């Protein structure tokens, strides 16, 4: 059976104090949607073999966090990673305009989108 990345995922980045949960993401039909209490993001993903990449536009509307070394309310983020087992994606993400803030990023599958 071919593994799929479609579903609901917990998104975490490696911060100064360990893994930091930053979003819940939904991946479906090549579209990426993410949100937390203070932000939402929309974008598209490509998945081939076990590799996944996505580009998303992040909009921070609450408490603005400098997750990628920038306190901008809007930024474009790119992720590149691999599906490890069915329930875990690991890789790196960075703001499009800031190559030096590359964050280790992981997603843990929470459920399916029916």
PDB file of N, CA and C in Angstrom:
ATOM      1  N   UNK A   1       0.847  -1.198   0.000  1.00  0.00           N
ATOM      2  CA  UNK A   1       0.000   0.000   0.000  1.00  0.00           C
ATOM      3  C   UNK A   1       0.879   1.243   0.000  1.00  0.00           C
ATOM      4  N   UNK A   2       0.489   2.223  -0.789  1.00  0.00           N
ATOM      5  CA  UNK A   2       1.260   3.456  -0.839  1.00  0.00           C
ATOM      6  C   UNK A   2       0.914   4.320   0.364  1.00  0.00           C
ATOM      7  N   UNK A   3       1.942   4.826   1.017  1.00  0.00           N
ATOM      8  CA  UNK A   3       1.697   5.672   2.179  1.00  0.00           C
ATOM      9  C   UNK A   3       1.229   7.042   1.704  1.00  0.00           C
ATOM     10  N   UNK A   4       0.435   7.666   2.538  1.00  0.00           N
ATOM     11  CA  UNK A   4      -0.133   8.965   2.214  1.00  0.00           C
ATOM     12  C   UNK A   4       0.221   9.955   3.306  1.00  0.00           C
ATOM     13  N   UNK A   5       0.323  11.226   2.939  1.00  0.00           N
ATOM     14  CA  UNK A   5       0.540  12.273   3.933  1.00  0.00           C
ATOM     15  C   UNK A   5      -0.761  13.009   4.236  1.00  0.00           C
ATOM     16  N   UNK A   6      -1.841  12.612   3.577  1.00  0.00           N
ATOM     17  CA  UNK A   6      -3.108  13.289   3.844  1.00  0.00           C
ATOM     18  C   UNK A   6      -3.536  13.016   5.273  1.00  0.00           C
ATOM     19  N   UNK A   7      -4.010  14.054   5.949  1.00  0.00           N
ATOM     20  CA  UNK A   7      -4.479  13.878   7.308  1.00  0.00           C
ATOM     21  C   UNK A   7      -4.258  15.124   8.150  1.00  0.00           C
ATOM     22  N   UNK A   8      -4.401  14.926   9.459  1.00  0.00           N
ATOM     23  CA  UNK A   8      -4.240  15.989  10.445  1.00  0.00           C
ATOM     24  C   UNK A   8      -2.938  15.726  11.195  1.00  0.00           C
ATOM     25  N   UNK A   9      -2.115  16.755  11.330  1.00  0.00           N
ATOM     26  CA  UNK A   9      -0.778  16.607  11.901  1.00  0.00           C
ATOM     27  C   UNK A   9      -0.514  17.663  12.964  1.00  0.00           C
ATOM     28  N   UNK A  10       0.258  17.260  13.974  1.00  0.00           N
ATOM     29  CA  UNK A  10       0.805  18.189  14.968  1.00  0.00           C
ATOM     30  C   UNK A  10       2.155  18.651  14.430  1.00  0.00           C
ATOM     31  N   UNK A  11       2.385  19.964  14.390  1.00  0.00           N
ATOM     32  CA  UNK A  11       3.638  20.517  13.864  1.00  0.00           C
ATOM     33  C   UNK A  11       4.482  21.035  15.023  1.00  0.00           C
ATOM     34  N   UNK A  12       5.728  20.563  15.088  1.00  0.00           N
ATOM     35  CA  UNK A  12       6.647  20.991  16.145  1.00  0.00           C
ATOM     36  C   UNK A  12       7.969  21.433  15.537  1.00  0.00           C
ATOM     37  N   UNK A  13       8.578  22.441  16.144  1.00  0.00           N
ATOM     38  CA  UNK A  13       9.921  22.870  15.740  1.00  0.00           C
ATOM     39  C   UNK A  13      10.851  22.751  16.939  1.00  0.00           C
ATOM     40  N   UNK A  14      12.120  22.520  16.650  1.00  0.00           N
ATOM     41  CA  UNK A  14      13.117  22.430  17.709  1.00  0.00           C
ATOM     42  C   UNK A  14      13.499  23.845  18.129  1.00  0.00           C
ATOM     43  N   UNK A  15      13.190  24.173  19.385  1.00  0.00           N
ATOM     44  CA  UNK A  15      13.506  25.496  19.915  1.00  0.00           C
ATOM     45  C   UNK A  15      14.592  25.396  20.963  1.00  0.00           C
ATOM     46  N   UNK A  16      14.853  26.505  21.646  1.00  0.00           N
ATOM     47  CA  UNK A  16      15.923  26.507  22.654  1.00  0.00           C
ATOM     48  C   UNK A  16      15.635  25.563  23.822  1.00  0.00           C
ATOM     49  N   UNK A  17      14.370  25.230  24.042  1.00  0.00           N
ATOM     50  CA  UNK A  17      14.017  24.377  25.180  1.00  0.00           C
ATOM     51  C   UNK A  17      13.458  23.037  24.719  1.00  0.00           C
ATOM     52  N   UNK A  18      13.806  22.617  23.517  1.00  0.00           N
ATOM     53  CA  UNK A  18      13.313  21.344  23.016  1.00  0.00           C
ATOM     54  C   UNK A  18      12.215  21.528  21.991  1.00  0.00           C
ATOM     55  N   UNK A  19      11.465  20.464  21.752  1.00  0.00           N
ATOM     56  CA  UNK A  19      10.408  20.516  20.731  1.00  0.00           C
ATOM     57  C   UNK A  19       9.273  21.417  21.199  1.00  0.00           C
ATOM     58  N   UNK A  20       8.867  22.321  20.332  1.00  0.00           N
ATOM     59  CA  UNK A  20       7.865  23.333  20.629  1.00  0.00           C
ATOM     60  C   UNK A  20       6.709  23.161  19.650  1.00  0.00           C
ATOM     61  N   UNK A  21       5.521  22.869  20.153  1.00  0.00           N
ATOM     62  CA  UNK A  21       4.356  22.685  19.294  1.00  0.00           C
ATOM     63  C   UNK A  21       3.900  24.044  18.778  1.00  0.00           C
ATOM     64  N   UNK A  22       3.841  24.220  17.456  1.00  0.00           N
ATOM     65  CA  UNK A  22       3.486  25.537  16.926  1.00  0.00           C
ATOM     66  C   UNK A  22       2.192  25.542  16.120  1.00  0.00           C
ATOM     67  N   UNK A  23       1.712  24.382  15.686  1.00  0.00           N
ATOM     68  CA  UNK A  23       0.527  24.417  14.828  1.00  0.00           C
ATOM     69  C   UNK A  23      -0.110  23.048  14.733  1.00  0.00           C
ATOM     70  N   UNK A  24      -1.336  23.041  14.259  1.00  0.00           N
ATOM     71  CA  UNK A  24      -2.001  21.836  13.781  1.00  0.00           C
ATOM     72  C   UNK A  24      -2.186  22.040  12.283  1.00  0.00           C
ATOM     73  N   UNK A  25      -1.795  21.051  11.506  1.00  0.00           N
ATOM     74  CA  UNK A  25      -1.845  21.181  10.050  1.00  0.00           C
ATOM     75  C   UNK A  25      -2.766  20.139   9.444  1.00  0.00           C
ATOM     76  N   UNK A  26      -3.417  20.513   8.348  1.00  0.00           N
ATOM     77  CA  UNK A  26      -4.248  19.606   7.575  1.00  0.00           C
ATOM     78  C   UNK A  26      -3.689  19.546   6.166  1.00  0.00           C
ATOM     79  N   UNK A  27      -3.391  18.331   5.711  1.00  0.00           N
ATOM     80  CA  UNK A  27      -2.871  18.111   4.366  1.00  0.00           C
ATOM     81  C   UNK A  27      -3.897  17.295   3.596  1.00  0.00           C
ATOM     82  N   UNK A  28      -4.315  17.817   2.446  1.00  0.00           N
ATOM     83  CA  UNK A  28      -5.347  17.140   1.662  1.00  0.00           C
ATOM     84  C   UNK A  28      -5.271  17.594   0.213  1.00  0.00           C
ATOM     85  N   UNK A  29      -5.219  16.638  -0.698  1.00  0.00           N
ATOM     86  CA  UNK A  29      -5.285  16.935  -2.139  1.00  0.00           C
ATOM     87  C   UNK A  29      -4.283  18.004  -2.575  1.00  0.00           C
ATOM     88  N   UNK A  30      -3.061  17.950  -2.031  1.00  0.00           N
ATOM     89  CA  UNK A  30      -2.037  18.909  -2.435  1.00  0.00           C
ATOM     90  C   UNK A  30      -2.125  20.266  -1.780  1.00  0.00           C
ATOM     91  N   UNK A  31      -3.073  20.427  -0.861  1.00  0.00           N
ATOM     92  CA  UNK A  31      -3.226  21.710  -0.162  1.00  0.00           C
ATOM     93  C   UNK A  31      -2.771  21.558   1.281  1.00  0.00           C
ATOM     94  N   UNK A  32      -2.113  22.600   1.776  1.00  0.00           N
ATOM     95  CA  UNK A  32      -1.614  22.633   3.152  1.00  0.00           C
ATOM     96  C   UNK A  32      -2.341  23.755   3.892  1.00  0.00           C
ATOM     97  N   UNK A  33      -2.932  23.411   5.038  1.00  0.00           N
ATOM     98  CA  UNK A  33      -3.551  24.409   5.907  1.00  0.00           C
ATOM     99  C   UNK A  33      -3.027  24.193   7.317  1.00  0.00           C
ATOM    100  N   UNK A  34      -2.622  25.278   7.978  1.00  0.00           N
ATOM    101  CA  UNK A  34      -2.145  25.175   9.344  1.00  0.00           C
ATOM    102  C   UNK A  34      -2.740  26.285  10.180  1.00  0.00           C
ATOM    103  N   UNK A  35      -2.865  26.038  11.498  1.00  0.00           N
ATOM    104  CA  UNK A  35      -3.396  27.088  12.364  1.00  0.00           C
ATOM    105  C   UNK A  35      -3.022  26.819  13.810  1.00  0.00           C
ATOM    106  N   UNK A  36      -3.027  27.894  14.593  1.00  0.00           N
ATOM    107  CA  UNK A  36      -2.924  27.834  16.047  1.00  0.00           C
ATOM    108  C   UNK A  36      -3.856  28.919  16.566  1.00  0.00           C
ATOM    109  N   UNK A  37      -3.793  29.184  17.848  1.00  0.00           N
ATOM    110  CA  UNK A  37      -4.623  30.260  18.402  1.00  0.00           C
ATOM    111  C   UNK A  37      -4.205  31.623  17.853  1.00  0.00           C
ATOM    112  N   UNK A  38      -2.962  31.744  17.380  1.00  0.00           N
ATOM    113  CA  UNK A  38      -2.432  33.056  16.991  1.00  0.00           C
ATOM    114  C   UNK A  38      -2.036  33.175  15.527  1.00  0.00           C
ATOM    115  N   UNK A  39      -2.243  32.135  14.737  1.00  0.00           N
ATOM    116  CA  UNK A  39      -1.846  32.247  13.339  1.00  0.00           C
ATOM    117  C   UNK A  39      -2.620  31.254  12.479  1.00  0.00           C
ATOM    118  N   UNK A  40      -2.589  31.503  11.165  1.00  0.00           N
ATOM    119  CA  UNK A  40      -3.056  30.503  10.215  1.00  0.00           C
ATOM    120  C   UNK A  40      -2.134  30.547   9.011  1.00  0.00           C
ATOM    121  N   UNK A  41      -2.048  29.441   8.290  1.00  0.00           N
ATOM    122  CA  UNK A  41      -1.218  29.405   7.096  1.00  0.00           C
ATOM    123  C   UNK A  41      -1.913  28.572   6.025  1.00  0.00           C
ATOM    124  N   UNK A  42      -1.684  28.959   4.788  1.00  0.00           N
ATOM    125  CA  UNK A  42      -2.259  28.254   3.646  1.00  0.00           C
ATOM    126  C   UNK A  42      -1.168  28.052   2.617  1.00  0.00           C
ATOM    127  N   UNK A  43      -1.212  26.917   1.941  1.00  0.00           N
ATOM    128  CA  UNK A  43      -0.198  26.672   0.931  1.00  0.00           C
ATOM    129  C   UNK A  43      -0.482  25.396   0.178  1.00  0.00           C
ATOM    130  N   UNK A  44       0.552  24.905  -0.482  1.00  0.00           N
ATOM    131  CA  UNK A  44       0.414  23.678  -1.255  1.00  0.00           C
ATOM    132  C   UNK A  44       1.623  22.797  -0.982  1.00  0.00           C
ATOM    133  N   UNK A  45       1.427  21.490  -1.144  1.00  0.00           N
ATOM    134  CA  UNK A  45       2.517  20.545  -0.917  1.00  0.00           C
ATOM    135  C   UNK A  45       2.644  19.604  -2.097  1.00  0.00           C
ATOM    136  N   UNK A  46       3.837  19.020  -2.217  1.00  0.00           N
ATOM    137  CA  UNK A  46       4.097  17.965  -3.181  1.00  0.00           C
ATOM    138  C   UNK A  46       4.680  16.784  -2.427  1.00  0.00           C
ATOM    139  N   UNK A  47       4.203  15.595  -2.742  1.00  0.00           N
ATOM    140  CA  UNK A  47       4.658  14.382  -2.078  1.00  0.00           C
ATOM    141  C   UNK A  47       4.981  13.349  -3.141  1.00  0.00           C
ATOM    142  N   UNK A  48       6.225  12.858  -3.136  1.00  0.00           N
ATOM    143  CA  UNK A  48       6.649  11.842  -4.103  1.00  0.00           C
ATOM    144  C   UNK A  48       7.657  10.928  -3.418  1.00  0.00           C
ATOM    145  N   UNK A  49       7.556   9.628  -3.687  1.00  0.00           N
ATOM    146  CA  UNK A  49       8.363   8.634  -2.983  1.00  0.00           C
ATOM    147  C   UNK A  49       8.098   8.854  -1.493  1.00  0.00           C
ATOM    148  N   UNK A  50       9.109   9.212  -0.728  1.00  0.00           N
ATOM    149  CA  UNK A  50       8.835   9.503   0.684  1.00  0.00           C
ATOM    150  C   UNK A  50       9.162  10.952   1.015  1.00  0.00           C
ATOM    151  N   UNK A  51       9.347  11.780  -0.011  1.00  0.00           N
ATOM    152  CA  UNK A  51       9.743  13.172   0.214  1.00  0.00           C
ATOM    153  C   UNK A  51       8.541  14.106   0.083  1.00  0.00           C
ATOM    154  N   UNK A  52       8.492  15.075   0.982  1.00  0.00           N
ATOM    155  CA  UNK A  52       7.427  16.070   0.924  1.00  0.00           C
ATOM    156  C   UNK A  52       8.031  17.458   1.043  1.00  0.00           C
ATOM    157  N   UNK A  53       7.521  18.373   0.239  1.00  0.00           N
ATOM    158  CA  UNK A  53       7.885  19.786   0.356  1.00  0.00           C
ATOM    159  C   UNK A  53       6.590  20.587   0.350  1.00  0.00           C
ATOM    160  N   UNK A  54       6.585  21.677   1.084  1.00  0.00           N
ATOM    161  CA  UNK A  54       5.463  22.594   0.928  1.00  0.00           C
ATOM    162  C   UNK A  54       5.917  24.025   1.104  1.00  0.00           C
ATOM    163  N   UNK A  55       5.133  24.908   0.516  1.00  0.00           N
ATOM    164  CA  UNK A  55       5.311  26.351   0.648  1.00  0.00           C
ATOM    165  C   UNK A  55       4.008  26.889   1.203  1.00  0.00           C
ATOM    166  N   UNK A  56       4.102  27.662   2.282  1.00  0.00           N
ATOM    167  CA  UNK A  56       2.909  28.185   2.921  1.00  0.00           C
ATOM    168  C   UNK A  56       3.097  29.654   3.259  1.00  0.00           C
ATOM    169  N   UNK A  57       2.004  30.381   3.190  1.00  0.00           N
ATOM    170  CA  UNK A  57       1.992  31.782   3.608  1.00  0.00           C
ATOM    171  C   UNK A  57       1.434  31.826   5.019  1.00  0.00           C
ATOM    172  N   UNK A  58       2.250  32.306   5.946  1.00  0.00           N
ATOM    173  CA  UNK A  58       1.884  32.347   7.363  1.00  0.00           C
ATOM    174  C   UNK A  58       1.368  33.741   7.706  1.00  0.00           C
ATOM    175  N   UNK A  59       0.232  33.799   8.375  1.00  0.00           N
ATOM    176  CA  UNK A  59      -0.370  35.062   8.818  1.00  0.00           C
ATOM    177  C   UNK A  59      -0.521  35.002  10.328  1.00  0.00           C
ATOM    178  N   UNK A  60       0.217  35.853  11.030  1.00  0.00           N
ATOM    179  CA  UNK A  60       0.116  35.901  12.493  1.00  0.00           C
ATOM    180  C   UNK A  60      -0.861  37.017  12.864  1.00  0.00           C
ATOM    181  N   UNK A  61      -1.912  36.666  13.585  1.00  0.00           N
ATOM    182  CA  UNK A  61      -2.944  37.647  13.920  1.00  0.00           C
ATOM    183  C   UNK A  61      -3.061  37.881  15.409  1.00  0.00           C
ATOM    184  N   UNK A  62      -2.389  37.075  16.200  1.00  0.00           N
ATOM    185  CA  UNK A  62      -2.435  37.247  17.654  1.00  0.00           C
ATOM    186  C   UNK A  62      -1.083  37.705  18.154  1.00  0.00           C
ATOM    187  N   UNK A  63      -0.590  37.009  19.154  1.00  0.00           N
ATOM    188  CA  UNK A  63       0.736  37.286  19.691  1.00  0.00           C
ATOM    189  C   UNK A  63       1.761  36.889  18.633  1.00  0.00           C
ATOM    190  N   UNK A  64       2.522  37.852  18.152  1.00  0.00           N
ATOM    191  CA  UNK A  64       3.485  37.579  17.090  1.00  0.00           C
ATOM    192  C   UNK A  64       4.728  36.950  17.679  1.00  0.00           C
ATOM    193  N   UNK A  65       5.060  35.771  17.168  1.00  0.00           N
ATOM    194  CA  UNK A  65       6.240  35.047  17.660  1.00  0.00           C
ATOM    195  C   UNK A  65       7.328  35.106  16.606  1.00  0.00           C
ATOM    196  N   UNK A  66       8.578  35.238  17.075  1.00  0.00           N
ATOM    197  CA  UNK A  66       9.710  35.256  16.149  1.00  0.00           C
ATOM    198  C   UNK A  66      10.183  33.827  15.913  1.00  0.00           C
ATOM    199  N   UNK A  67       9.317  33.015  15.310  1.00  0.00           N
ATOM    200  CA  UNK A  67       9.653  31.600  15.137  1.00  0.00           C
ATOM    201  C   UNK A  67      10.817  31.426  14.179  1.00  0.00           C
ATOM    202  N   UNK A  68      10.845  32.182  13.093  1.00  0.00           N
ATOM    203  CA  UNK A  68      11.914  32.036  12.093  1.00  0.00           C
ATOM    204  C   UNK A  68      12.858  33.231  12.112  1.00  0.00           C
ATOM    205  N   UNK A  69      13.085  33.775  13.306  1.00  0.00           N
ATOM    206  CA  UNK A  69      14.014  34.882  13.438  1.00  0.00           C
ATOM    207  C   UNK A  69      13.446  36.203  12.956  1.00  0.00           C
ATOM    208  N   UNK A  70      12.139  36.252  12.751  1.00  0.00           N
ATOM    209  CA  UNK A  70      11.512  37.463  12.238  1.00  0.00           C
ATOM    210  C   UNK A  70      10.188  37.661  12.954  1.00  0.00           C
ATOM    211  N   UNK A  71       9.878  38.901  13.296  1.00  0.00           N
ATOM    212  CA  UNK A  71       8.597  39.168  13.960  1.00  0.00           C
ATOM    213  C   UNK A  71       7.593  39.730  12.961  1.00  0.00           C
ATOM    214  N   UNK A  72       7.701  39.343  11.711  1.00  0.00           N
ATOM    215  CA  UNK A  72       6.748  39.812  10.710  1.00  0.00           C
ATOM    216  C   UNK A  72       5.404  39.138  10.931  1.00  0.00           C
ATOM    217  N   UNK A  73       4.342  39.856  10.639  1.00  0.00           N
ATOM    218  CA  UNK A  73       3.002  39.273  10.734  1.00  0.00           C
ATOM    219  C   UNK A  73       2.737  38.327   9.566  1.00  0.00           C
ATOM    220  N   UNK A  74       3.386  38.573   8.422  1.00  0.00           N
ATOM    221  CA  UNK A  74       3.199  37.696   7.270  1.00  0.00           C
ATOM    222  C   UNK A  74       4.549  37.251   6.744  1.00  0.00           C
ATOM    223  N   UNK A  75       4.656  35.962   6.444  1.00  0.00           N
ATOM    224  CA  UNK A  75       5.898  35.465   5.854  1.00  0.00           C
ATOM    225  C   UNK A  75       5.600  34.195   5.081  1.00  0.00           C
ATOM    226  N   UNK A  76       6.503  33.886   4.164  1.00  0.00           N
ATOM    227  CA  UNK A  76       6.401  32.645   3.411  1.00  0.00           C
ATOM    228  C   UNK A  76       7.388  31.652   4.006  1.00  0.00           C
ATOM    229  N   UNK A  77       6.899  30.457   4.252  1.00  0.00           N
ATOM    230  CA  UNK A  77       7.728  29.412   4.866  1.00  0.00           C
ATOM    231  C   UNK A  77       7.782  28.216   3.933  1.00  0.00           C
ATOM    232  N   UNK A  78       8.978  27.653   3.804  1.00  0.00           N
ATOM    233  CA  UNK A  78       9.161  26.452   2.998  1.00  0.00           C
ATOM    234  C   UNK A  78       9.623  25.319   3.901  1.00  0.00           C
ATOM    235  N   UNK A  79       9.053  24.132   3.684  1.00  0.00           N
ATOM    236  CA  UNK A  79       9.432  22.946   4.434  1.00  0.00           C
ATOM    237  C   UNK A  79       9.897  21.878   3.457  1.00  0.00           C
ATOM    238  N   UNK A  80      10.956  21.162   3.845  1.00  0.00           N
ATOM    239  CA  UNK A  80      11.413  20.002   3.082  1.00  0.00           C
ATOM    240  C   UNK A  80      11.648  18.873   4.065  1.00  0.00           C
ATOM    241  N   UNK A  81      11.058  17.711   3.779  1.00  0.00           N
ATOM    242  CA  UNK A  81      11.221  16.607   4.711  1.00  0.00           C
ATOM    243  C   UNK A  81      10.862  15.271   4.106  1.00  0.00           C
ATOM    244  N   UNK A  82      10.832  14.264   4.985  1.00  0.00           N
ATOM    245  CA  UNK A  82      10.555  12.900   4.551  1.00  0.00           C
ATOM    246  C   UNK A  82       9.519  12.268   5.469  1.00  0.00           C
ATOM    247  N   UNK A  83       8.695  11.415   4.872  1.00  0.00           N
ATOM    248  CA  UNK A  83       7.733  10.635   5.646  1.00  0.00           C
ATOM    249  C   UNK A  83       8.476   9.438   6.223  1.00  0.00           C
ATOM    250  N   UNK A  84       8.507   9.357   7.558  1.00  0.00           N
ATOM    251  CA  UNK A  84       9.141   8.241   8.258  1.00  0.00           C
ATOM    252  C   UNK A  84       8.033   7.452   8.914  1.00  0.00           C
ATOM    253  N   UNK A  85       7.811   6.239   8.495  1.00  0.00           N
ATOM    254  CA  UNK A  85       6.656   5.502   8.992  1.00  0.00           C
ATOM    255  C   UNK A  85       5.402   6.276   8.556  1.00  0.00           C
ATOM    256  N   UNK A  86       4.246   5.777   8.946  1.00  0.00           N
ATOM    257  CA  UNK A  86       3.020   6.419   8.494  1.00  0.00           C
ATOM    258  C   UNK A  86       2.648   7.628   9.322  1.00  0.00           C
ATOM    259  N   UNK A  87       3.228   7.727  10.517  1.00  0.00           N
ATOM    260  CA  UNK A  87       2.727   8.727  11.455  1.00  0.00           C
ATOM    261  C   UNK A  87       3.729   9.817  11.788  1.00  0.00           C
ATOM    262  N   UNK A  88       4.806   9.937  11.008  1.00  0.00           N
ATOM    263  CA  UNK A  88       5.824  10.932  11.341  1.00  0.00           C
ATOM    264  C   UNK A  88       6.478  11.479  10.080  1.00  0.00           C
ATOM    265  N   UNK A  89       6.588  12.803  10.019  1.00  0.00           N
ATOM    266  CA  UNK A  89       7.329  13.493   8.960  1.00  0.00           C
ATOM    267  C   UNK A  89       8.429  14.286   9.651  1.00  0.00           C
ATOM    268  N   UNK A  90       9.663  14.191   9.161  1.00  0.00           N
ATOM    269  CA  UNK A  90      10.760  14.957   9.747  1.00  0.00           C
ATOM    270  C   UNK A  90      11.477  15.737   8.660  1.00  0.00           C
ATOM    271  N   UNK A  91      11.925  16.942   9.007  1.00  0.00           N
ATOM    272  CA  UNK A  91      12.633  17.753   8.029  1.00  0.00           C
ATOM    273  C   UNK A  91      13.029  19.090   8.606  1.00  0.00           C
ATOM    274  N   UNK A  92      13.104  20.071   7.720  1.00  0.00           N
ATOM    275  CA  UNK A  92      13.541  21.415   8.108  1.00  0.00           C
ATOM    276  C   UNK A  92      12.657  22.442   7.431  1.00  0.00           C
ATOM    277  N   UNK A  93      12.453  23.564   8.118  1.00  0.00           N
ATOM    278  CA  UNK A  93      11.667  24.641   7.531  1.00  0.00           C
ATOM    279  C   UNK A  93      12.378  25.961   7.761  1.00  0.00           C
ATOM    280  N   UNK A  94      12.083  26.914   6.879  1.00  0.00           N
ATOM    281  CA  UNK A  94      12.700  28.231   7.010  1.00  0.00           C
ATOM    282  C   UNK A  94      11.825  29.259   6.325  1.00  0.00           C
ATOM    283  N   UNK A  95      11.948  30.501   6.791  1.00  0.00           N
ATOM    284  CA  UNK A  95      11.275  31.607   6.126  1.00  0.00           C
ATOM    285  C   UNK A  95      11.980  31.850   4.798  1.00  0.00           C
ATOM    286  N   UNK A  96      11.199  32.160   3.779  1.00  0.00           N
ATOM    287  CA  UNK A  96      11.755  32.294   2.433  1.00  0.00           C
ATOM    288  C   UNK A  96      12.836  33.367   2.353  1.00  0.00           C
ATOM    289  N   UNK A  97      12.723  34.424   3.170  1.00  0.00           N
ATOM    290  CA  UNK A  97      13.694  35.528   3.067  1.00  0.00           C
ATOM    291  C   UNK A  97      14.801  35.422   4.109  1.00  0.00           C
ATOM    292  N   UNK A  98      14.893  34.303   4.822  1.00  0.00           N
ATOM    293  CA  UNK A  98      15.904  34.184   5.875  1.00  0.00           C
ATOM    294  C   UNK A  98      16.497  32.787   5.870  1.00  0.00           C
ATOM    295  N   UNK A  99      17.592  32.627   5.136  1.00  0.00           N
ATOM    296  CA  UNK A  99      18.194  31.303   5.009  1.00  0.00           C
ATOM    297  C   UNK A  99      18.883  30.860   6.298  1.00  0.00           C
ATOM    298  N   UNK A 100      19.233  31.793   7.178  1.00  0.00           N
ATOM    299  CA  UNK A 100      20.023  31.380   8.328  1.00  0.00           C
ATOM    300  C   UNK A 100      19.175  30.800   9.455  1.00  0.00           C
ATOM    301  N   UNK A 101      17.883  31.064   9.457  1.00  0.00           N
ATOM    302  CA  UNK A 101      17.031  30.482  10.485  1.00  0.00           C
ATOM    303  C   UNK A 101      16.338  29.253   9.928  1.00  0.00           C
ATOM    304  N   UNK A 102      17.073  28.160   9.895  1.00  0.00           N
ATOM    305  CA  UNK A 102      16.509  26.901   9.428  1.00  0.00           C
ATOM    306  C   UNK A 102      16.190  26.078  10.667  1.00  0.00           C
ATOM    307  N   UNK A 103      14.937  25.660  10.802  1.00  0.00           N
ATOM    308  CA  UNK A 103      14.515  24.965  12.009  1.00  0.00           C
ATOM    309  C   UNK A 103      14.223  23.502  11.738  1.00  0.00           C
ATOM    310  N   UNK A 104      14.757  22.657  12.600  1.00  0.00           N
ATOM    311  CA  UNK A 104      14.341  21.253  12.558  1.00  0.00           C
ATOM    312  C   UNK A 104      12.849  21.213  12.858  1.00  0.00           C
ATOM    313  N   UNK A 105      12.122  20.490  12.043  1.00  0.00           N
ATOM    314  CA  UNK A 105      10.667  20.478  12.124  1.00  0.00           C
ATOM    315  C   UNK A 105      10.187  19.041  12.035  1.00  0.00           C
ATOM    316  N   UNK A 106       9.180  18.696  12.835  1.00  0.00           N
ATOM    317  CA  UNK A 106       8.604  17.360  12.729  1.00  0.00           C
ATOM    318  C   UNK A 106       7.087  17.450  12.827  1.00  0.00           C
ATOM    319  N   UNK A 107       6.433  16.495  12.183  1.00  0.00           N
ATOM    320  CA  UNK A 107       4.980  16.396  12.235  1.00  0.00           C
ATOM    321  C   UNK A 107       4.618  15.010  12.727  1.00  0.00           C
ATOM    322  N   UNK A 108       3.668  14.957  13.630  1.00  0.00           N
ATOM    323  CA  UNK A 108       3.168  13.691  14.166  1.00  0.00           C
ATOM    324  C   UNK A 108       1.698  13.574  13.748  1.00  0.00           C
ATOM    325  N   UNK A 109       1.337  12.451  13.137  1.00  0.00           N
ATOM    326  CA  UNK A 109      -0.035  12.293  12.657  1.00  0.00           C
ATOM    327  C   UNK A 109      -1.017  12.194  13.832  1.00  0.00           C
ATOM    328  N   UNK A 110      -2.071  12.985  13.764  1.00  0.00           N
ATOM    329  CA  UNK A 110      -3.104  12.979  14.793  1.00  0.00           C
ATOM    330  C   UNK A 110      -4.350  12.231  14.350  1.00  0.00           C
ATOM    331  N   UNK A 111      -4.635  12.241  13.065  1.00  0.00           N
ATOM    332  CA  UNK A 111      -5.844  11.582  12.596  1.00  0.00           C
ATOM    333  C   UNK A 111      -6.029  11.769  11.106  1.00  0.00           C
ATOM    334  N   UNK A 112      -7.158  11.292  10.626  1.00  0.00           N
ATOM    335  CA  UNK A 112      -7.483  11.371   9.210  1.00  0.00           C
ATOM    336  C   UNK A 112      -8.494  12.472   8.949  1.00  0.00           C
ATOM    337  N   UNK A 113      -8.540  12.922   7.713  1.00  0.00           N
ATOM    338  CA  UNK A 113      -9.589  13.832   7.272  1.00  0.00           C
ATOM    339  C   UNK A 113     -10.611  12.968   6.528  1.00  0.00           C
ATOM    340  N   UNK A 114     -11.794  12.907   7.023  1.00  0.00           N
ATOM    341  CA  UNK A 114     -12.787  12.045   6.381  1.00  0.00           C
ATOM    342  C   UNK A 114     -13.450  12.754   5.201  1.00  0.00           C
TER     343      UNK A 114
END
